Protein backbone atom coordinates (compact mmCIF):
# COMPACT_ATOMS: atom_id res chain seq x y z
CA MET A 1 -0.15 -0.19 -0.14
CA LYS A 2 1.21 3.32 -1.02
CA LYS A 3 1.72 5.87 1.84
CA LYS A 4 -0.60 8.58 1.90
CA ILE A 5 1.04 12.03 2.11
CA PHE A 6 -0.31 15.26 1.30
CA THR A 7 1.86 18.39 -0.22
CA LEU A 8 0.77 21.46 -1.28
CA THR A 9 2.81 24.49 -2.83
CA LEU A 10 2.24 28.31 -3.65
CA SER A 11 1.76 27.38 -7.12
CA ALA A 12 -1.20 24.99 -6.87
CA VAL A 13 -2.83 27.84 -4.47
CA ILE A 14 -2.37 30.34 -7.26
CA ALA A 15 -3.20 28.36 -9.89
CA SER A 16 -6.35 27.37 -8.56
CA SER A 17 -7.77 30.74 -8.95
CA THR A 18 -11.12 30.88 -10.71
CA MET A 19 -11.74 33.34 -13.60
CA ALA A 20 -14.16 35.04 -11.55
CA GLY A 21 -10.85 35.73 -8.83
CA VAL A 22 -8.71 37.02 -11.96
CA THR A 23 -9.27 40.63 -11.92
CA SER A 24 -6.15 42.01 -13.50
CA PHE A 25 -3.65 40.67 -15.70
CA ALA A 26 -6.49 38.17 -16.97
CA GLU A 27 -4.78 37.33 -20.56
CA GLY A 28 -1.45 36.92 -18.84
CA ASN A 29 -0.44 40.40 -19.91
CA GLY A 30 1.09 41.45 -16.38
CA PRO A 31 4.01 44.13 -17.36
CA ASP A 32 7.50 43.24 -18.60
CA VAL A 33 10.64 44.37 -17.22
CA ASN A 34 11.27 47.67 -18.97
CA GLY A 35 13.50 48.60 -16.61
CA LYS A 36 11.30 49.06 -13.93
CA GLU A 37 9.98 45.81 -12.69
CA THR A 38 11.93 43.26 -10.44
CA VAL A 39 11.88 39.80 -11.28
CA GLN A 40 11.62 37.31 -8.33
CA THR A 41 12.03 33.75 -8.96
CA ALA A 42 11.83 32.60 -5.32
CA MET A 43 8.52 31.48 -5.71
CA LEU A 44 9.43 29.18 -8.60
CA THR A 45 9.68 25.22 -7.55
CA THR A 46 13.07 24.25 -6.98
CA TYR A 47 14.71 21.44 -8.39
CA ASP A 48 14.80 19.67 -4.92
CA GLU A 49 11.64 20.72 -4.04
CA MET A 50 10.25 19.18 -7.46
CA SER A 51 12.23 15.80 -6.74
CA SER A 52 10.58 15.56 -3.05
CA PHE A 53 6.99 16.40 -4.37
CA LEU A 54 7.39 13.68 -6.96
CA VAL A 55 8.43 11.03 -4.79
CA LYS A 56 5.65 11.84 -2.10
CA GLU A 57 3.18 12.02 -4.94
CA ASN A 58 4.48 8.66 -5.98
CA GLU A 59 4.06 6.77 -2.58
CA LYS A 60 0.43 8.62 -2.29
CA GLN A 61 -0.94 7.96 -6.11
CA GLU A 62 -1.95 4.19 -6.80
CA ARG A 63 -1.94 5.01 -10.60
CA MET A 64 1.45 7.25 -10.99
CA ASP A 65 4.58 5.65 -11.40
CA LEU A 66 7.81 7.38 -10.93
CA GLU A 67 10.88 6.82 -13.14
CA VAL A 68 14.19 8.12 -13.72
CA ILE A 69 15.08 7.74 -17.08
CA GLY A 70 18.99 9.44 -16.93
CA LYS A 71 20.74 12.13 -15.37
CA THR A 72 21.48 15.89 -16.66
CA THR A 73 25.11 17.17 -16.98
CA LYS A 74 25.34 17.86 -13.54
CA ASP A 75 24.22 14.64 -12.55
CA ARG A 76 20.79 15.33 -11.30
CA ASP A 77 18.16 12.72 -11.75
CA ILE A 78 15.45 13.15 -14.69
CA TYR A 79 12.08 12.02 -13.91
CA LEU A 80 9.32 10.82 -15.92
CA VAL A 81 5.86 10.75 -14.30
CA LYS A 82 3.67 7.85 -15.88
CA TYR A 83 -0.12 6.96 -15.72
CA ILE A 84 -0.14 3.85 -17.81
CA THR A 85 -3.32 2.11 -16.93
CA ASN A 86 -3.37 -0.09 -20.29
CA PRO A 87 -0.55 -0.05 -22.76
CA GLU A 88 -3.14 -0.39 -25.44
CA ASN A 89 -4.79 2.95 -24.74
CA PRO A 90 -3.29 5.91 -26.69
CA THR A 91 -0.49 7.96 -24.81
CA ILE A 92 0.46 11.67 -24.67
CA LEU A 93 3.64 12.88 -23.57
CA PHE A 94 4.28 16.50 -22.18
CA LEU A 95 7.55 17.99 -21.90
CA THR A 96 8.31 20.83 -20.07
CA GLN A 97 11.13 23.22 -19.49
CA GLN A 98 13.68 22.11 -22.16
CA HIS A 99 14.63 25.47 -21.78
CA GLY A 100 15.63 26.45 -17.96
CA ASN A 101 14.46 29.80 -17.66
CA GLU A 102 10.66 28.71 -19.26
CA ALA A 103 9.62 27.79 -15.60
CA LEU A 104 5.81 28.19 -15.67
CA THR A 105 5.27 25.04 -17.86
CA THR A 106 6.42 23.26 -15.03
CA GLU A 107 4.58 25.03 -12.17
CA GLY A 108 1.64 23.68 -14.37
CA ALA A 109 2.98 20.20 -14.77
CA LEU A 110 3.35 19.63 -11.14
CA ASP A 111 0.02 21.14 -10.48
CA TYR A 112 -1.77 18.67 -13.23
CA ILE A 113 0.15 15.83 -11.60
CA ARG A 114 -1.12 16.91 -7.68
CA HIS A 115 -4.68 17.03 -9.87
CA LEU A 116 -4.58 13.48 -11.21
CA GLY A 117 -3.96 12.15 -8.15
CA SER A 118 -7.67 12.95 -6.46
CA ASN A 119 -9.86 9.86 -6.91
CA SER A 120 -12.68 11.77 -8.62
CA GLN A 121 -14.76 9.57 -10.76
CA ASP A 122 -13.66 11.95 -13.79
CA ASN A 123 -10.19 11.25 -13.49
CA GLN A 124 -10.80 7.32 -12.86
CA GLU A 125 -12.31 7.52 -16.28
CA LEU A 126 -9.53 9.39 -17.54
CA LEU A 127 -6.83 7.57 -16.67
CA GLU A 128 -8.87 4.14 -17.79
CA ASN A 129 -8.87 5.51 -21.02
CA VAL A 130 -5.48 7.30 -21.79
CA ASN A 131 -1.50 7.24 -21.10
CA ILE A 132 -0.19 9.88 -19.81
CA LEU A 133 3.62 11.02 -19.41
CA ILE A 134 5.04 13.66 -17.74
CA LEU A 135 8.45 15.03 -18.12
CA PRO A 136 8.74 18.15 -15.72
CA MET A 137 12.03 20.26 -15.88
CA TYR A 138 13.73 18.44 -18.33
CA ASN A 139 16.50 20.95 -18.13
CA ALA A 140 17.10 21.15 -14.34
CA ASP A 141 20.79 22.28 -14.79
CA GLY A 142 19.34 25.11 -16.42
CA ALA A 143 16.44 25.68 -14.35
CA MET A 144 18.72 25.76 -11.23
CA GLY A 145 21.31 28.23 -13.05
CA ASP A 146 24.01 25.71 -12.11
CA VAL A 147 25.80 25.81 -14.90
CA ASP A 148 29.74 26.25 -16.21
CA PHE A 149 29.22 29.50 -17.55
CA GLU A 150 28.42 33.32 -16.20
CA LEU A 151 25.35 34.40 -16.19
CA GLU A 152 26.17 38.00 -16.70
CA ASN A 153 23.51 40.81 -16.74
CA TYR A 154 20.56 38.31 -15.80
CA LEU A 155 17.55 40.08 -14.40
CA ALA A 156 16.06 37.75 -11.71
CA SER A 157 16.73 38.59 -8.09
CA GLY A 158 17.34 35.26 -6.22
CA ARG A 159 18.30 32.46 -8.39
CA ASN A 160 19.04 32.68 -11.92
CA LEU A 161 17.83 30.81 -14.86
CA THR A 162 18.88 30.06 -18.03
CA ARG A 163 17.73 28.52 -21.19
CA TYR A 164 21.08 26.31 -21.72
CA ASN A 165 22.15 23.38 -20.11
CA ALA A 166 25.24 23.43 -18.10
CA ASN A 167 27.31 23.16 -20.91
CA ARG A 168 25.76 25.90 -22.75
CA LEU A 169 23.94 23.66 -25.06
CA ASN A 170 20.42 24.85 -26.06
CA LEU A 171 18.55 21.24 -25.57
CA ASN A 172 15.91 22.20 -28.48
CA ARG A 173 18.83 22.29 -31.35
CA ASP A 174 20.17 18.84 -30.20
CA HIS A 175 17.52 16.23 -31.13
CA VAL A 176 19.81 15.18 -34.35
CA ASN A 177 22.83 14.87 -32.69
CA LYS A 178 21.83 13.92 -28.95
CA VAL A 179 25.24 15.09 -28.02
CA ALA A 180 24.11 16.32 -24.03
CA PRO A 181 22.90 13.55 -21.57
CA GLU A 182 19.55 14.99 -21.14
CA THR A 183 19.03 14.49 -25.02
CA LYS A 184 20.25 11.07 -25.02
CA ALA A 185 18.01 10.18 -21.90
CA LEU A 186 14.83 11.72 -23.71
CA HIS A 187 15.27 9.64 -27.15
CA GLU A 188 16.42 6.29 -25.49
CA ASN A 189 14.51 6.10 -22.42
CA VAL A 190 11.17 8.04 -23.46
CA ILE A 191 10.64 8.19 -27.21
CA SER A 192 12.36 5.16 -28.22
CA LYS A 193 10.97 3.00 -25.27
CA TYR A 194 7.56 4.12 -25.02
CA ASP A 195 4.51 4.02 -27.87
CA ILE A 196 3.71 7.71 -27.78
CA ASP A 197 0.91 8.95 -30.10
CA TYR A 198 0.64 12.66 -29.35
CA MET A 199 3.57 15.05 -27.67
CA ILE A 200 3.37 18.78 -26.64
CA ASP A 201 6.56 20.44 -26.14
CA PHE A 202 5.70 23.55 -23.57
CA HIS A 203 7.95 26.64 -23.86
CA HIS A 204 7.89 30.46 -22.87
CA GLN A 205 8.24 33.12 -26.01
CA GLY A 206 8.99 36.56 -25.44
CA THR A 207 6.71 39.51 -23.76
CA GLN A 208 6.11 41.66 -26.90
CA GLU A 209 4.07 39.22 -29.47
CA GLU A 210 0.35 40.39 -29.59
CA TYR A 211 -2.82 40.26 -31.45
CA ASP A 212 -5.43 42.94 -32.01
CA GLY A 213 -3.40 45.10 -29.76
CA LYS A 214 -3.32 42.84 -26.34
CA PRO A 215 -0.35 40.79 -25.58
CA THR A 216 -0.67 37.24 -26.57
CA SER A 217 -1.04 34.46 -23.75
CA GLY A 218 0.31 32.08 -25.85
CA SER A 219 1.25 30.46 -29.53
CA LEU A 220 0.77 27.31 -31.32
CA LEU A 221 2.82 25.63 -34.38
CA THR A 222 2.78 22.11 -35.75
CA PRO A 223 5.67 20.48 -37.63
CA GLN A 224 6.94 22.51 -40.40
CA SER A 225 8.96 20.29 -42.42
CA SER A 226 8.09 19.14 -45.75
CA GLU A 227 9.20 15.46 -45.10
CA VAL A 228 6.32 15.03 -42.40
CA THR A 229 3.84 12.79 -43.34
CA GLN A 230 0.56 13.99 -44.29
CA GLU A 231 -1.47 12.04 -41.63
CA VAL A 232 0.97 13.45 -38.96
CA LYS A 233 0.59 16.81 -39.95
CA GLU A 234 -3.05 16.54 -39.95
CA GLN A 235 -3.10 14.82 -36.62
CA SER A 236 -0.73 17.34 -35.01
CA LYS A 237 -3.27 19.90 -36.28
CA GLN A 238 -6.14 18.30 -34.78
CA LEU A 239 -4.01 18.52 -31.16
CA ALA A 240 -3.38 21.80 -31.30
CA THR A 241 -7.32 22.62 -32.65
CA VAL A 242 -8.00 20.88 -29.34
CA LEU A 243 -6.02 22.83 -27.20
CA TYR A 244 -6.92 26.05 -28.53
CA GLN A 245 -10.79 25.38 -28.13
CA GLY A 246 -10.36 24.01 -24.90
CA LEU A 247 -8.41 27.31 -23.52
CA GLU A 248 -11.13 29.24 -25.34
CA SER A 249 -13.69 27.78 -23.75
CA LYS A 250 -13.01 28.29 -20.35
CA GLY A 251 -11.52 31.87 -21.15
CA TRP A 252 -8.06 30.92 -20.35
CA SER A 253 -6.32 32.47 -23.10
CA HIS A 254 -5.36 34.94 -26.04
CA VAL A 255 -3.22 32.23 -28.31
CA PHE A 256 -2.64 32.57 -31.67
CA LYS A 257 0.01 30.74 -34.16
CA TYR A 258 3.77 31.09 -33.39
CA ASP A 259 5.10 33.99 -35.54
CA GLU A 260 8.47 32.34 -36.42
CA PRO A 261 7.54 28.70 -38.08
CA THR A 262 10.93 26.70 -38.58
CA GLN A 263 11.94 23.61 -40.46
CA ASN A 264 15.09 22.94 -38.37
CA PRO A 265 15.10 19.54 -38.20
CA ASN A 266 17.03 19.79 -34.39
CA VAL A 267 13.94 21.04 -33.20
CA ALA A 268 11.45 18.46 -30.95
CA SER A 269 8.50 20.07 -33.11
CA ASN A 270 9.89 18.96 -36.06
CA VAL A 271 12.20 16.16 -35.09
CA MET A 272 9.44 13.69 -32.94
CA ALA A 273 7.43 14.18 -36.27
CA LEU A 274 10.45 13.46 -38.45
CA GLN A 275 12.09 10.53 -36.75
CA TYR A 276 9.06 8.81 -34.81
CA ASP A 277 6.07 9.96 -36.69
CA ILE A 278 4.64 11.54 -33.39
CA PRO A 279 2.09 14.20 -33.95
CA VAL A 280 3.71 17.09 -31.90
CA ILE A 281 2.71 20.81 -31.15
CA LEU A 282 4.94 23.42 -29.71
CA PHE A 283 2.95 25.60 -27.38
CA GLU A 284 4.82 28.66 -26.47
CA MET A 285 3.64 31.03 -23.34
CA ARG A 286 4.08 34.21 -22.77
CA GLY A 287 7.46 35.48 -20.86
CA MET A 288 10.37 33.94 -19.61
CA ALA A 289 11.24 34.10 -15.93
CA ASP A 290 15.02 35.09 -16.39
CA GLY A 291 17.41 36.27 -18.74
CA ASN A 292 19.64 38.93 -19.99
CA TYR A 293 17.40 40.42 -22.52
CA GLU A 294 14.49 42.95 -21.15
CA PRO A 295 12.24 41.97 -23.88
CA TYR A 296 11.91 38.32 -23.11
CA VAL A 297 11.70 38.54 -19.34
CA LEU A 298 8.18 38.67 -17.62
CA GLY A 299 7.59 39.88 -14.20
CA GLN A 300 6.00 37.56 -11.56
CA LYS A 301 2.44 39.33 -11.75
CA SER A 302 1.10 36.70 -14.74
CA ASN A 303 2.40 33.73 -13.10
CA GLY A 304 -0.56 32.53 -11.79
CA TYR A 305 -2.54 32.65 -14.88
CA LEU A 306 0.15 31.33 -17.05
CA THR A 307 0.48 28.30 -14.73
CA LYS A 308 -3.32 27.84 -14.94
CA GLN A 309 -3.02 28.16 -18.82
CA ALA A 310 -0.50 25.21 -18.94
CA PHE A 311 -2.34 23.14 -16.53
CA LEU A 312 -5.47 23.41 -18.52
CA ALA A 313 -3.68 23.08 -21.99
CA MET A 314 -2.63 19.68 -20.42
CA SER A 315 -5.99 18.58 -19.22
CA THR A 316 -8.21 19.84 -22.00
CA THR A 317 -5.71 17.59 -23.96
CA ALA A 318 -5.45 14.60 -22.04
CA LYS A 319 -9.11 14.28 -21.75
CA ALA A 320 -9.91 14.99 -25.74
CA ILE A 321 -7.77 11.81 -26.30
CA ALA A 322 -9.30 9.85 -23.64
CA ASP A 323 -12.72 10.11 -25.03
CA ARG A 324 -11.60 9.99 -28.63
CA SER A 325 -12.92 13.43 -29.55
CA ILE A 326 -9.63 14.27 -30.84
CA ASP A 327 -10.41 12.21 -33.73
CA GLN A 328 -13.25 14.57 -34.80
CA ALA A 329 -11.41 17.63 -34.09
CA ASP A 330 -10.69 20.13 -37.28
CA PRO A 331 -7.67 20.72 -38.41
CA GLY A 332 -8.83 23.88 -40.24
CA VAL A 333 -9.43 25.82 -36.83
CA TYR A 334 -5.40 25.84 -36.50
CA ASP A 335 -5.22 26.35 -40.16
CA ASN A 336 -7.10 29.60 -40.18
CA LEU A 337 -5.70 31.04 -36.73
CA PRO A 338 -3.60 34.16 -37.56
CA GLU A 339 -0.27 34.64 -36.43
CA GLN A 340 0.71 36.40 -33.72
CA ILE A 341 2.52 39.93 -34.29
CA TYR A 342 5.96 40.27 -33.08
CA ASN A 343 6.29 43.54 -31.49
CA TYR A 344 9.62 44.71 -30.91
């Protein structure tokens, strides 16, 4: 029998706010730095806090399994959270924080893991019909600022976070060569090991993207390589449609197409489709937790909103896969989304 342990973090309190309680920054449009805002990172979950949380949830949750898939450059365990009731069910992988300074994606993932631990009828039915894999804080060294180079002119007070791994490698440009231990672990011990039907790669973009005069809270991109099969392209668009419509129906988004489509085969949103025929989308949320370029860094006033947006992106896509409504999703909804505007 797994030991029952209850944990609660600040992100859970913030992210559980209802729309009625969000009276300001309701599109995740809190102020960026602009030389005026302070950037605090103390409220963000540390690697050690996440590790402790995952171990305790694994003891508490009967349906959850926790696997260490490898080590980071600085020898931190890389965790994979697994909900696999029936190997024949469709499986979705949620990957967060490839870039260590894109932290609210992980906060949303931890809240979703906590949510899946509730013994509700909805959760029971969900987990009977879909397998969920969650890889949170993939770039733990960058998330902790534990790197072998100087983080000069970074803006955060408290710990600094960087997009790179400890060896100053961009993990989202390493999916072909697989030089980093983090990349090897992902491909060898997750992508090649499990039969993954869908994947969402969670990131943060800058703060100045907008549409209709308002900052966008996020943006979506499907595989852009011309070598991706038509079936995978269409299923990726269906996944994007489900995410977009799920957020829109709850009033938690100002989401459009990503404005910098790329055919670069090294990025996850292309390589998973090219190498493994996995329908995949990139979901970029507004603002980064730290960095040395002010227009990319967002003050913490939008943290609760954006954490909730990540949580809802996971819950709405998992539900659509579980009830198979994703099979009827209209790819044209994604096709007809306008691109956000890059306004620097």
